[in-house]
Amino acid sequence: MATARVPDAPLARREAVRLGVRTVMPLAVGALPFGIVFGVTAASSSLTWWEGLVASALIMAGAAQLALVDLIDTDTPWLLAVVTALIINARFLLYSTALAPAFRRFPVRWRYGLAHLMTDQAAVTGIVYFEHQRDDDTRRWFFAVVGMVFSAAWLAGTAIGLAFSASMPEALPLGFAVPLTFLALLVPAVRSRPMVVAAVVGALATVLAAPLPQGLNILLGGIAGVAAGVVANR
């Protein structure tokens, strides 16, 4: 009686690493100018260069970091500034909920390390990859590579912005990278009618709620999109 062939673990791991690099590279290229935007902003603020770099390494969330720089420069109380950043990043609660079933099967040391690498890009590509890949070892290596490559590009962009902010032309259109980065993230993930409904409703809610302060429109758009997707799926 023939026995089932056991997949070669190192080979599967290498394939996951290669796929992770190929998947994240276009997104990492988009992260570079986004990081430069933050670096230039931080360099023109009251932050020192190392504070700006450490902020990117610890927070790794562009919208929250830009808001924090503005709040720090206007002498906002630190508690209010922290709460504002947490509200802006509340969308990661949605990512965490989607990734929790897979992360729960990872060793504890992997959970904490990968959680720090959970950017928007890593979370969405991980969710899509986990749908068709059930092996826990392959899953965590894929997510780790995606997170590390994207984070390296983000930090490199921040360092470039901090180092060369004085020599960059004011008219340099770096801001275009922000919407393009998220557009490149959205398109591959929208593959069914409920996903289309969620994306459209979320986008409309985010735009309509734009007057809300400190990025609350992003949180509202995320909640509205999820709710619309659930209703459409039913």
Protein backbone atom coordinates (compact mmCIF):
# COMPACT_ATOMS: atom_id res chain seq x y z
CA MET A 1 0.00 0.00 0.00
CA ALA A 2 1.51 3.30 -1.10
CA THR A 3 2.04 5.97 1.52
CA ALA A 4 1.31 9.65 0.97
CA ARG A 5 4.32 11.69 0.06
CA VAL A 6 5.28 14.11 2.81
CA PRO A 7 6.13 17.56 1.38
CA ASP A 8 9.72 18.62 1.86
CA ALA A 9 9.53 21.28 4.56
CA PRO A 10 12.69 23.25 3.59
CA LEU A 11 11.61 23.28 -0.06
CA ALA A 12 8.11 24.51 0.83
CA ARG A 13 9.66 27.15 3.05
CA ARG A 14 11.91 28.41 0.25
CA GLU A 15 8.96 28.58 -2.11
CA ALA A 16 7.02 30.61 0.48
CA VAL A 17 9.95 32.99 0.86
CA ARG A 18 10.28 33.48 -2.91
CA LEU A 19 6.55 34.01 -3.30
CA GLY A 20 6.55 36.46 -0.43
CA VAL A 21 9.30 38.54 -2.04
CA ARG A 22 7.56 38.54 -5.43
CA THR A 23 4.25 39.49 -3.85
CA VAL A 24 5.50 42.35 -1.70
CA MET A 25 8.06 43.96 -4.01
CA PRO A 26 5.54 46.15 -5.94
CA LEU A 27 4.04 47.26 -2.62
CA ALA A 28 7.49 47.90 -1.14
CA VAL A 29 8.36 50.13 -4.10
CA GLY A 30 5.25 52.16 -3.29
CA ALA A 31 6.24 52.32 0.38
CA LEU A 32 9.53 54.04 -0.44
CA PRO A 33 8.08 57.44 -1.49
CA PHE A 34 5.47 57.19 1.28
CA GLY A 35 8.32 56.77 3.76
CA ILE A 36 10.11 59.73 2.18
CA VAL A 37 7.00 61.85 2.77
CA PHE A 38 7.13 61.03 6.46
CA GLY A 39 10.88 61.56 6.62
CA VAL A 40 10.61 65.01 5.05
CA THR A 41 7.73 65.89 7.39
CA ALA A 42 9.65 64.71 10.44
CA ALA A 43 12.78 66.61 9.36
CA SER A 44 10.82 69.86 9.16
CA SER A 45 9.23 69.32 12.57
CA SER A 46 10.55 69.56 16.12
CA LEU A 47 11.62 65.89 16.05
CA THR A 48 15.28 64.96 15.85
CA TRP A 49 16.39 62.67 13.02
CA TRP A 50 16.71 59.68 15.29
CA GLU A 51 13.24 60.25 16.79
CA GLY A 52 11.77 60.23 13.30
CA LEU A 53 13.60 57.01 12.42
CA VAL A 54 12.63 55.30 15.67
CA ALA A 55 9.01 56.33 15.14
CA SER A 56 8.98 54.55 11.78
CA ALA A 57 10.61 51.45 13.27
CA LEU A 58 8.24 51.22 16.24
CA ILE A 59 4.92 52.43 14.80
CA MET A 60 5.17 51.54 11.09
CA ALA A 61 1.89 53.26 10.23
CA GLY A 62 2.20 56.30 8.00
CA ALA A 63 -1.12 58.01 8.71
CA ALA A 64 -0.69 57.72 12.48
CA GLN A 65 2.92 58.92 12.32
CA LEU A 66 2.03 62.01 10.27
CA ALA A 67 -0.78 62.84 12.70
CA LEU A 68 1.54 62.40 15.67
CA VAL A 69 4.13 64.77 14.20
CA ASP A 70 1.45 67.43 13.77
CA LEU A 71 0.14 66.90 17.30
CA ILE A 72 3.62 67.06 18.81
CA ASP A 73 4.39 70.30 16.99
CA THR A 74 1.18 71.88 18.32
CA ASP A 75 2.03 70.90 21.92
CA THR A 76 -0.90 68.49 22.22
CA PRO A 77 -0.94 66.61 25.56
CA TRP A 78 0.82 63.28 25.12
CA LEU A 79 -2.19 61.23 26.25
CA LEU A 80 -4.43 62.81 23.62
CA ALA A 81 -1.75 62.30 20.97
CA VAL A 82 -1.42 58.60 21.84
CA VAL A 83 -5.20 58.08 21.87
CA THR A 84 -5.47 59.78 18.48
CA ALA A 85 -2.83 57.48 16.99
CA LEU A 86 -4.61 54.45 18.44
CA ILE A 87 -7.90 55.55 16.91
CA ILE A 88 -6.29 56.03 13.51
CA ASN A 89 -4.77 52.55 13.76
CA ALA A 90 -7.98 50.92 15.00
CA ARG A 91 -8.36 49.27 11.57
CA PHE A 92 -5.71 46.81 12.72
CA LEU A 93 -8.34 45.32 15.01
CA LEU A 94 -10.12 44.20 11.84
CA TYR A 95 -6.91 42.74 10.43
CA SER A 96 -6.19 40.97 13.70
CA THR A 97 -9.63 39.40 13.75
CA ALA A 98 -9.14 38.03 10.24
CA LEU A 99 -5.63 36.72 10.94
CA ALA A 100 -6.27 35.38 14.46
CA PRO A 101 -7.29 31.83 13.40
CA ALA A 102 -3.96 31.37 11.60
CA PHE A 103 -1.81 33.18 14.18
CA ARG A 104 -3.32 31.12 16.97
CA ARG A 105 -1.56 28.06 15.53
CA PHE A 106 1.87 29.73 15.44
CA PRO A 107 4.45 29.41 18.24
CA VAL A 108 4.28 32.26 20.74
CA ARG A 109 7.61 33.81 19.68
CA TRP A 110 6.34 34.01 16.09
CA ARG A 111 3.07 35.62 17.11
CA TYR A 112 4.73 38.59 18.81
CA GLY A 113 7.32 39.09 16.08
CA LEU A 114 4.84 38.88 13.21
CA ALA A 115 2.34 41.11 15.02
CA HIS A 116 4.88 43.95 14.93
CA LEU A 117 5.27 43.49 11.17
CA MET A 118 1.50 43.73 10.59
CA THR A 119 1.25 46.68 8.23
CA ASP A 120 -1.78 47.13 5.98
CA GLN A 121 0.14 45.51 3.15
CA ALA A 122 1.37 42.51 5.14
CA ALA A 123 -2.06 41.92 6.66
CA VAL A 124 -3.99 41.96 3.39
CA THR A 125 -1.49 39.85 1.43
CA GLY A 126 -1.36 37.43 4.36
CA ILE A 127 -5.14 37.10 4.48
CA VAL A 128 -5.27 36.36 0.75
CA TYR A 129 -2.40 33.85 0.96
CA PHE A 130 -3.81 32.05 4.00
CA GLU A 131 -7.03 31.32 2.10
CA HIS A 132 -5.33 28.74 -0.11
CA GLN A 133 -2.29 27.78 2.01
CA ARG A 134 -3.05 25.70 5.09
CA ASP A 135 0.45 24.75 6.24
CA ASP A 136 1.34 26.72 9.38
CA ASP A 137 5.10 26.75 8.76
CA THR A 138 4.68 28.02 5.20
CA ARG A 139 2.17 30.63 6.32
CA ARG A 140 4.41 32.19 8.92
CA TRP A 141 7.46 32.29 6.65
CA PHE A 142 5.44 33.98 3.91
CA PHE A 143 4.07 36.57 6.34
CA ALA A 144 7.50 37.17 7.89
CA VAL A 145 9.14 37.83 4.51
CA VAL A 146 6.34 40.14 3.36
CA GLY A 147 6.50 42.08 6.62
CA MET A 148 10.29 42.38 6.71
CA VAL A 149 10.68 43.47 3.07
CA PHE A 150 7.92 46.06 3.33
CA SER A 151 9.23 47.37 6.65
CA ALA A 152 12.74 47.66 5.23
CA ALA A 153 11.41 49.76 2.32
CA TRP A 154 9.43 51.94 4.73
CA LEU A 155 12.47 52.55 6.93
CA ALA A 156 14.67 53.22 3.90
CA GLY A 157 12.19 55.83 2.65
CA THR A 158 12.08 57.47 6.07
CA ALA A 159 15.88 57.61 6.22
CA ILE A 160 16.09 59.14 2.73
CA GLY A 161 13.48 61.77 3.62
CA LEU A 162 15.28 62.66 6.85
CA ALA A 163 18.70 62.84 5.21
CA PHE A 164 17.81 64.76 2.05
CA SER A 165 14.77 66.81 3.03
CA ALA A 166 16.62 70.09 2.62
CA SER A 167 17.64 69.31 -0.97
CA MET A 168 14.27 67.99 -2.17
CA PRO A 169 12.20 70.33 -4.37
CA GLU A 170 8.97 71.44 -2.72
CA ALA A 171 7.03 70.61 -5.88
CA LEU A 172 8.20 66.98 -5.91
CA PRO A 173 4.91 65.02 -6.15
CA LEU A 174 5.64 62.39 -3.51
CA GLY A 175 2.11 62.52 -2.14
CA PHE A 176 0.82 60.47 -5.07
CA ALA A 177 2.44 57.39 -3.53
CA VAL A 178 -0.01 57.26 -0.63
CA PRO A 179 -3.24 56.54 -2.57
CA LEU A 180 -1.40 54.43 -5.16
CA THR A 181 0.05 52.21 -2.44
CA PHE A 182 -3.38 51.41 -1.06
CA LEU A 183 -4.90 51.07 -4.54
CA ALA A 184 -2.28 48.47 -5.44
CA LEU A 185 -3.16 46.69 -2.21
CA LEU A 186 -6.91 46.76 -2.84
CA VAL A 187 -7.20 45.55 -6.43
CA PRO A 188 -5.75 42.01 -6.04
CA ALA A 189 -7.85 41.39 -2.92
CA VAL A 190 -11.22 42.24 -4.51
CA ARG A 191 -12.24 38.94 -6.10
CA SER A 192 -15.95 38.46 -5.38
CA ARG A 193 -19.18 40.43 -5.24
CA PRO A 194 -19.16 40.84 -1.41
CA MET A 195 -15.58 42.13 -1.64
CA VAL A 196 -16.58 44.63 -4.33
CA VAL A 197 -19.50 45.82 -2.21
CA ALA A 198 -17.26 46.14 0.84
CA ALA A 199 -14.62 48.09 -1.11
CA VAL A 200 -17.12 50.49 -2.70
CA VAL A 201 -19.07 51.15 0.51
CA GLY A 202 -15.88 51.51 2.54
CA ALA A 203 -14.41 53.98 0.04
CA LEU A 204 -17.60 56.06 -0.12
CA ALA A 205 -17.92 56.15 3.67
CA THR A 206 -14.28 57.19 4.03
CA VAL A 207 -14.67 60.03 1.51
CA LEU A 208 -17.98 61.26 2.94
CA ALA A 209 -16.58 61.21 6.46
CA ALA A 210 -13.41 63.07 5.46
CA PRO A 211 -14.32 66.17 7.55
CA LEU A 212 -14.01 64.09 10.74
CA PRO A 213 -10.86 64.87 12.73
CA GLN A 214 -7.68 62.81 13.11
CA GLY A 215 -8.39 60.05 10.60
CA LEU A 216 -11.70 58.91 12.10
CA ASN A 217 -13.05 58.66 8.55
CA ILE A 218 -10.64 55.76 7.91
CA LEU A 219 -11.99 53.84 10.88
CA LEU A 220 -15.59 54.61 9.93
CA GLY A 221 -14.94 53.55 6.33
CA GLY A 222 -13.42 50.27 7.48
CA ILE A 223 -16.37 49.44 9.73
CA ALA A 224 -18.90 50.39 7.04
CA GLY A 225 -17.07 48.29 4.45
CA VAL A 226 -16.96 45.22 6.68
CA ALA A 227 -20.64 45.55 7.54
CA ALA A 228 -21.60 45.94 3.87
CA GLY A 229 -19.47 42.93 2.91
CA VAL A 230 -21.13 40.76 5.56
CA VAL A 231 -24.61 41.77 4.37
CA ALA A 232 -23.69 41.15 0.73
CA ASN A 233 -22.27 37.74 1.56
CA ARG A 234 -25.51 36.72 3.21
